[in-house]
Amino acid sequence: MDSLLVLVPVALLLGLIALAAFLWALRNGQYDDPEGAAGRILFDDD
């Protein structure tokens, strides 16, 4: 039971860090064009 006093705050902290990283990526435009790179590889530039 004592381990829960450590594991619950650590899990919450890791979840908040992951949420902050996701929000940072979202605000910096990482998800603006998810289909663009997938479509560009099909076309040859030559």
Protein backbone atom coordinates (compact mmCIF):
# COMPACT_ATOMS: atom_id res chain seq x y z
CA MET A 1 0.00 0.00 0.00
CA ASP A 2 2.93 2.31 0.62
CA SER A 3 4.05 1.93 -2.96
CA LEU A 4 0.78 3.52 -4.13
CA LEU A 5 1.81 6.73 -2.38
CA VAL A 6 4.72 6.92 -4.81
CA LEU A 7 3.28 5.31 -7.94
CA VAL A 8 0.09 7.37 -8.21
CA PRO A 9 1.83 10.78 -8.20
CA VAL A 10 4.51 9.48 -10.59
CA ALA A 11 1.83 8.21 -12.99
CA LEU A 12 -0.01 11.54 -12.81
CA LEU A 13 3.20 13.44 -13.43
CA LEU A 14 4.07 11.30 -16.46
CA GLY A 15 0.55 11.77 -17.81
CA LEU A 16 0.81 15.53 -17.45
CA ILE A 17 4.19 15.53 -19.18
CA ALA A 18 2.75 13.53 -22.08
CA LEU A 19 -0.23 15.88 -22.30
CA ALA A 20 2.06 18.91 -22.31
CA ALA A 21 4.21 17.37 -25.06
CA PHE A 22 1.11 16.65 -27.15
CA LEU A 23 -0.22 20.18 -26.72
CA TRP A 24 3.19 21.62 -27.60
CA ALA A 25 3.30 19.55 -30.79
CA LEU A 26 -0.25 20.55 -31.66
CA ARG A 27 0.48 24.26 -31.23
CA ASN A 28 3.70 24.06 -33.26
CA GLY A 29 1.94 22.64 -36.31
CA GLN A 30 3.14 19.05 -36.16
CA TYR A 31 -0.29 17.77 -37.23
CA ASP A 32 -1.17 20.37 -39.86
CA ASP A 33 -0.73 18.15 -42.94
CA PRO A 34 -0.83 14.46 -41.98
CA GLU A 35 -1.70 13.30 -45.53
CA GLY A 36 0.87 15.42 -47.35
CA ALA A 37 3.95 13.28 -46.77
CA ALA A 38 2.04 10.09 -47.50
CA GLY A 39 0.87 11.46 -50.85
CA ARG A 40 4.18 13.03 -51.85
CA ILE A 41 6.06 9.74 -51.76
CA LEU A 42 3.82 8.40 -54.56
CA PHE A 43 4.80 11.11 -57.04
CA ASP A 44 8.15 11.07 -58.81
CA ASP A 45 9.92 14.43 -59.15
CA ASP A 46 11.92 13.43 -62.24
